[in-house]
Amino acid sequence: MSQDNSEQASFWTAQAGQKWVEQQALLDALMQPVLDGVFARAPLAAGHSVLDIGCGTGASTLQAADLVGNNGSVLGADISPTMLALAETRAAGRSAISFAEADAAQYAFDTQRFDHMISRFGVMFFADPAAAFANILKGLKPGAHVTFACWGPFVNNPWFSMAVQAAKDVLGAPPSVDPDEPGPFAFRDIDRVQGILKTAGFDRFEADAAQIALTPPGTRAQVAAMATSIGPVARTVDYFQGSASDSAAITARVDEALRDFETPKGVRVPAQINFFQARRPDR
């Protein structure tokens, strides 16, 4: 299988990347419970060296650095220079943090450097995931831990499903895609992912499908606008060359759907997140 991730690089640099930069604070708040889940499972400690795959605008890298302290180090790797530029700005002056514009499937990581690899939604986009993880493994110390989070099945994640349904209602359905192709739900099948990790050379697998609540900030209308400006809905609007009025109609439908998720603490959207853990063999 080809390891060509150039399409992903273009998408996360010129299209989605800019939107993520513009909405960095909102997206970080939305997905903080997912990152909390990663750190609850990853045994990071002072002095450790951490590799953060798909670090995006830097939230996971910054929080990992807080856990490993000044005697530790964190390398944030991402394929998008657009998102990395903001990550570097946020980490300015923190000597324990560095960044690399890197396709993790092919980047030459320092051999056996890292105690841990972490990722929040950063590993589902590889053209050849087994080969990518095999390359990452080279950078890990014997016995090193791997901990990452991915979306569970589409039907169990209304953050996506309600917005996609709204877009279909307004514009129609875009062409179907293979769900195992690079994308947000490529790692929805826990058994498949553990098979990928085994093929790549990892062992001591653990996985759990956790039910959590995403925590988008703002009013219901603000959350609806965010939900429809990124991800599959944005691509659907682009595919059908939708108008501003189409986008407004989609957002209005999502706003209405979000009524089911309003709480005294704000909008809380249920999600199934697959958390994976594995180890590099001790030898």
Protein backbone atom coordinates (compact mmCIF):
# COMPACT_ATOMS: atom_id res chain seq x y z
CA MET A 1 0.00 0.00 0.00
CA SER A 2 1.22 3.49 -0.87
CA GLN A 3 2.43 5.78 1.90
CA ASP A 4 1.62 8.92 -0.11
CA ASN A 5 0.00 11.33 2.34
CA SER A 6 0.33 14.40 0.10
CA GLU A 7 -3.44 14.80 -0.21
CA GLN A 8 -3.73 14.94 3.57
CA ALA A 9 -0.88 17.45 3.74
CA SER A 10 -2.66 19.72 1.28
CA PHE A 11 -6.01 19.41 3.05
CA TRP A 12 -4.64 20.14 6.53
CA THR A 13 -2.51 23.02 5.28
CA ALA A 14 -4.65 24.93 2.80
CA GLN A 15 -8.20 24.00 3.77
CA ALA A 16 -8.98 22.54 7.20
CA GLY A 17 -5.77 23.81 8.77
CA GLN A 18 -6.68 27.47 8.42
CA LYS A 19 -10.13 26.88 9.90
CA TRP A 20 -8.61 25.03 12.86
CA VAL A 21 -6.22 27.93 13.44
CA GLU A 22 -9.08 30.43 13.34
CA GLN A 23 -11.13 28.37 15.81
CA GLN A 24 -8.27 27.02 17.94
CA ALA A 25 -9.66 28.09 21.32
CA LEU A 26 -13.13 26.74 20.54
CA LEU A 27 -11.84 23.41 19.24
CA ASP A 28 -9.45 22.98 22.16
CA ALA A 29 -12.33 23.48 24.59
CA LEU A 30 -14.59 21.13 22.61
CA MET A 31 -12.07 18.30 22.71
CA GLN A 32 -10.47 18.80 26.12
CA PRO A 33 -12.33 15.78 27.57
CA VAL A 34 -10.70 13.63 24.88
CA LEU A 35 -7.26 14.93 25.77
CA ASP A 36 -8.02 14.36 29.45
CA GLY A 37 -8.76 10.74 28.53
CA VAL A 38 -5.42 10.37 26.77
CA PHE A 39 -3.48 11.70 29.73
CA ALA A 40 -5.48 9.62 32.19
CA ARG A 41 -4.24 6.52 30.35
CA ALA A 42 -0.70 7.62 29.40
CA PRO A 43 1.78 7.17 32.27
CA LEU A 44 3.72 10.37 31.62
CA ALA A 45 6.08 11.45 34.38
CA ALA A 46 8.72 14.07 35.07
CA GLY A 47 11.75 13.72 32.84
CA HIS A 48 10.09 11.64 30.15
CA SER A 49 10.52 12.22 26.42
CA VAL A 50 7.23 12.36 24.49
CA LEU A 51 6.32 12.22 20.81
CA ASP A 52 2.99 13.88 20.01
CA ILE A 53 1.69 12.75 16.61
CA GLY A 54 -0.71 15.07 14.81
CA CYS A 55 -0.18 17.81 17.38
CA GLY A 56 -2.10 20.39 15.33
CA THR A 57 -2.14 23.79 17.00
CA GLY A 58 -0.33 22.49 20.06
CA ALA A 59 -2.82 21.88 22.89
CA SER A 60 -1.70 18.29 23.47
CA THR A 61 1.98 19.20 23.21
CA LEU A 62 1.67 22.00 25.74
CA GLN A 63 -0.20 19.86 28.25
CA ALA A 64 2.21 16.96 27.83
CA ALA A 65 5.09 19.34 28.55
CA ASP A 66 3.37 20.40 31.77
CA LEU A 67 3.35 16.75 32.85
CA VAL A 68 6.98 15.91 32.03
CA GLY A 69 8.42 19.16 33.38
CA ASN A 70 11.56 21.06 32.50
CA ASN A 71 13.70 17.92 32.62
CA GLY A 72 11.49 16.19 30.06
CA SER A 73 10.86 16.98 26.42
CA VAL A 74 7.99 16.89 23.93
CA LEU A 75 8.26 16.83 20.15
CA GLY A 76 5.04 17.81 18.41
CA ALA A 77 4.85 16.43 14.87
CA ASP A 78 2.28 17.49 12.30
CA ILE A 79 1.91 17.50 8.54
CA SER A 80 0.42 21.02 8.48
CA PRO A 81 2.76 24.04 8.57
CA THR A 82 -0.33 26.23 8.98
CA MET A 83 -1.25 24.62 12.28
CA LEU A 84 2.35 24.26 13.43
CA ALA A 85 2.93 28.00 13.06
CA LEU A 86 0.31 28.66 15.73
CA ALA A 87 1.62 25.79 17.90
CA GLU A 88 5.10 27.31 17.84
CA THR A 89 3.73 30.71 18.82
CA ARG A 90 1.84 29.20 21.76
CA ALA A 91 4.95 27.36 22.95
CA ALA A 92 7.34 30.29 22.62
CA GLY A 93 9.92 30.36 25.40
CA ARG A 94 9.35 26.77 26.52
CA SER A 95 12.65 24.98 25.98
CA ALA A 96 11.23 21.52 26.61
CA ILE A 97 8.98 21.79 23.54
CA SER A 98 9.98 21.46 19.90
CA PHE A 99 8.03 20.89 16.69
CA ALA A 100 8.62 19.14 13.39
CA GLU A 101 6.73 19.49 10.13
CA ALA A 102 6.59 15.78 9.53
CA ASP A 103 4.70 13.07 7.72
CA ALA A 104 4.94 10.55 10.55
CA ALA A 105 4.78 7.69 8.06
CA GLN A 106 8.17 8.63 6.62
CA TYR A 107 9.89 11.10 8.94
CA ALA A 108 13.28 9.99 10.30
CA PHE A 109 12.64 10.19 14.04
CA ASP A 110 15.69 9.84 16.28
CA THR A 111 16.15 6.13 16.95
CA GLN A 112 14.83 4.95 20.33
CA ARG A 113 14.45 8.48 21.68
CA PHE A 114 10.94 8.58 23.17
CA ASP A 115 9.40 7.08 26.31
CA HIS A 116 5.87 7.73 25.04
CA MET A 117 3.90 8.44 21.90
CA ILE A 118 0.58 10.22 22.35
CA SER A 119 -2.06 11.46 19.93
CA ARG A 120 -5.48 13.04 20.04
CA PHE A 121 -7.17 12.40 16.69
CA GLY A 122 -3.84 12.49 14.85
CA VAL A 123 -3.33 8.94 13.57
CA MET A 124 -6.45 8.17 11.48
CA PHE A 125 -5.22 9.81 8.30
CA PHE A 126 -2.30 7.62 7.19
CA ALA A 127 -2.51 6.11 3.71
CA ASP A 128 -0.77 2.99 5.08
CA PRO A 129 -1.34 2.98 8.85
CA ALA A 130 0.68 -0.19 9.58
CA ALA A 131 3.72 1.23 7.80
CA ALA A 132 3.27 4.57 9.55
CA PHE A 133 3.16 2.97 12.99
CA ALA A 134 6.18 0.82 12.10
CA ASN A 135 8.06 4.03 11.34
CA ILE A 136 6.93 5.62 14.60
CA LEU A 137 8.03 2.52 16.50
CA LYS A 138 11.64 3.14 15.40
CA GLY A 139 11.66 6.36 17.41
CA LEU A 140 10.46 4.71 20.63
CA LYS A 141 12.61 3.23 23.37
CA PRO A 142 12.19 -0.47 24.14
CA GLY A 143 9.11 -0.82 26.34
CA ALA A 144 7.83 2.65 25.41
CA HIS A 145 4.12 3.37 25.74
CA VAL A 146 1.71 4.40 22.99
CA THR A 147 -1.59 6.08 23.91
CA PHE A 148 -3.99 7.65 21.45
CA ALA A 149 -7.63 8.60 20.95
CA CYS A 150 -9.79 8.15 17.85
CA TRP A 151 -13.45 8.60 17.02
CA GLY A 152 -15.68 5.59 17.52
CA PRO A 153 -18.42 4.72 15.01
CA PHE A 154 -20.12 7.56 13.16
CA VAL A 155 -23.58 6.64 14.45
CA ASN A 156 -22.36 7.02 18.04
CA ASN A 157 -20.98 10.52 17.48
CA PRO A 158 -23.75 13.09 17.00
CA TRP A 159 -21.19 15.90 16.71
CA PHE A 160 -20.73 14.54 13.20
CA SER A 161 -23.99 12.74 12.47
CA MET A 162 -26.39 15.60 13.24
CA ALA A 163 -24.39 18.02 11.08
CA VAL A 164 -24.01 15.55 8.22
CA GLN A 165 -27.76 14.82 8.27
CA ALA A 166 -28.51 18.53 8.17
CA ALA A 167 -26.23 18.96 5.15
CA LYS A 168 -27.91 16.03 3.38
CA ASP A 169 -31.36 17.49 4.07
CA VAL A 170 -30.35 20.78 2.45
CA LEU A 171 -27.98 19.72 -0.34
CA GLY A 172 -28.24 15.96 -0.77
CA ALA A 173 -25.73 13.20 -0.13
CA PRO A 174 -22.20 13.46 -1.55
CA PRO A 175 -20.59 10.32 -3.03
CA SER A 176 -19.98 7.63 -0.43
CA VAL A 177 -16.43 6.88 0.62
CA ASP A 178 -14.71 3.80 2.02
CA PRO A 179 -14.88 4.32 5.81
CA ASP A 180 -11.50 2.57 6.19
CA GLU A 181 -9.82 5.17 4.00
CA PRO A 182 -7.93 7.98 5.79
CA GLY A 183 -10.44 10.05 7.68
CA PRO A 184 -11.96 10.69 11.10
CA PHE A 185 -13.63 7.26 11.38
CA ALA A 186 -10.88 5.08 9.93
CA PHE A 187 -10.05 3.74 13.42
CA ARG A 188 -13.62 3.16 14.59
CA ASP A 189 -13.09 -0.64 14.64
CA ILE A 190 -11.04 -1.55 17.71
CA ASP A 191 -10.09 -5.03 16.46
CA ARG A 192 -8.85 -3.61 13.15
CA VAL A 193 -6.69 -1.03 14.90
CA GLN A 194 -5.15 -3.59 17.22
CA GLY A 195 -4.33 -5.67 14.14
CA ILE A 196 -2.61 -2.65 12.60
CA LEU A 197 -0.54 -2.12 15.73
CA LYS A 198 0.41 -5.80 15.86
CA THR A 199 1.52 -5.73 12.22
CA ALA A 200 3.60 -2.63 12.98
CA GLY A 201 5.45 -4.48 15.76
CA PHE A 202 3.70 -3.38 18.95
CA ASP A 203 2.44 -5.60 21.75
CA ARG A 204 0.52 -5.45 25.08
CA PHE A 205 -2.60 -3.94 23.56
CA GLU A 206 -5.41 -2.33 25.51
CA ALA A 207 -8.46 -0.53 24.16
CA ASP A 208 -11.68 0.86 25.52
CA ALA A 209 -14.67 2.55 23.92
CA ALA A 210 -15.45 5.41 26.29
CA GLN A 211 -18.65 7.42 26.43
CA ILE A 212 -17.77 11.03 27.12
CA ALA A 213 -19.31 14.47 26.65
CA LEU A 214 -17.70 16.99 24.33
CA THR A 215 -17.65 20.47 25.84
CA PRO A 216 -18.07 23.14 23.15
CA PRO A 217 -18.06 26.66 24.57
CA GLY A 218 -20.58 29.35 23.76
CA THR A 219 -24.26 29.56 23.01
CA ARG A 220 -26.17 26.93 21.08
CA ALA A 221 -26.03 29.13 17.98
CA GLN A 222 -22.27 29.55 18.31
CA VAL A 223 -21.80 25.79 18.71
CA ALA A 224 -23.94 25.14 15.63
CA ALA A 225 -21.83 27.56 13.60
CA MET A 226 -18.64 25.78 14.67
CA ALA A 227 -20.06 22.33 13.97
CA THR A 228 -20.96 23.25 10.41
CA SER A 229 -17.80 25.17 9.50
CA ILE A 230 -15.39 22.21 9.73
CA GLY A 231 -15.34 18.51 8.96
CA PRO A 232 -17.68 16.63 6.60
CA VAL A 233 -20.26 19.42 6.39
CA ALA A 234 -17.75 21.90 5.02
CA ARG A 235 -16.67 19.35 2.43
CA THR A 236 -20.28 18.66 1.47
CA VAL A 237 -20.95 22.37 0.96
CA ASP A 238 -17.80 22.61 -1.17
CA TYR A 239 -18.77 19.53 -3.21
CA PHE A 240 -22.23 20.89 -4.07
CA GLN A 241 -20.93 24.45 -4.40
CA GLY A 242 -23.45 25.46 -1.81
CA SER A 243 -24.43 29.08 -1.31
CA ALA A 244 -24.32 31.19 1.82
CA SER A 245 -28.04 30.58 2.23
CA ASP A 246 -27.44 26.81 2.03
CA SER A 247 -24.85 27.06 4.77
CA ALA A 248 -27.21 29.15 6.88
CA ALA A 249 -29.99 26.58 6.43
CA ILE A 250 -27.64 23.76 7.52
CA THR A 251 -26.52 25.72 10.58
CA ALA A 252 -30.14 26.41 11.54
CA ARG A 253 -30.94 22.69 11.43
CA VAL A 254 -27.93 21.87 13.59
CA ASP A 255 -28.92 24.62 16.02
CA GLU A 256 -32.31 22.96 16.40
CA ALA A 257 -30.75 19.49 16.82
CA LEU A 258 -28.50 20.80 19.58
CA ARG A 259 -31.54 21.49 21.76
CA ASP A 260 -31.30 17.85 22.85
CA PHE A 261 -27.83 18.49 24.27
CA GLU A 262 -28.38 21.69 26.23
CA THR A 263 -27.58 21.45 29.94
CA PRO A 264 -27.26 23.95 32.80
CA LYS A 265 -23.51 23.93 32.10
CA GLY A 266 -23.90 24.59 28.38
CA VAL A 267 -24.05 22.37 25.32
CA ARG A 268 -22.71 18.89 26.04
CA VAL A 269 -22.54 16.52 23.08
CA PRO A 270 -22.19 12.77 23.78
CA ALA A 271 -19.40 10.97 21.97
CA GLN A 272 -17.86 7.52 21.73
CA ILE A 273 -14.09 7.77 21.78
CA ASN A 274 -11.84 4.77 21.23
CA PHE A 275 -8.74 4.95 23.43
CA PHE A 276 -5.84 2.68 22.46
CA GLN A 277 -2.73 1.69 24.38
CA ALA A 278 0.21 -0.46 23.30
CA ARG A 279 3.90 -0.92 23.99
CA ARG A 280 7.04 -1.26 21.95
CA PRO A 281 8.51 -4.70 22.79
CA ASP A 282 11.15 -4.60 25.51
CA ARG A 283 13.79 -5.83 23.09
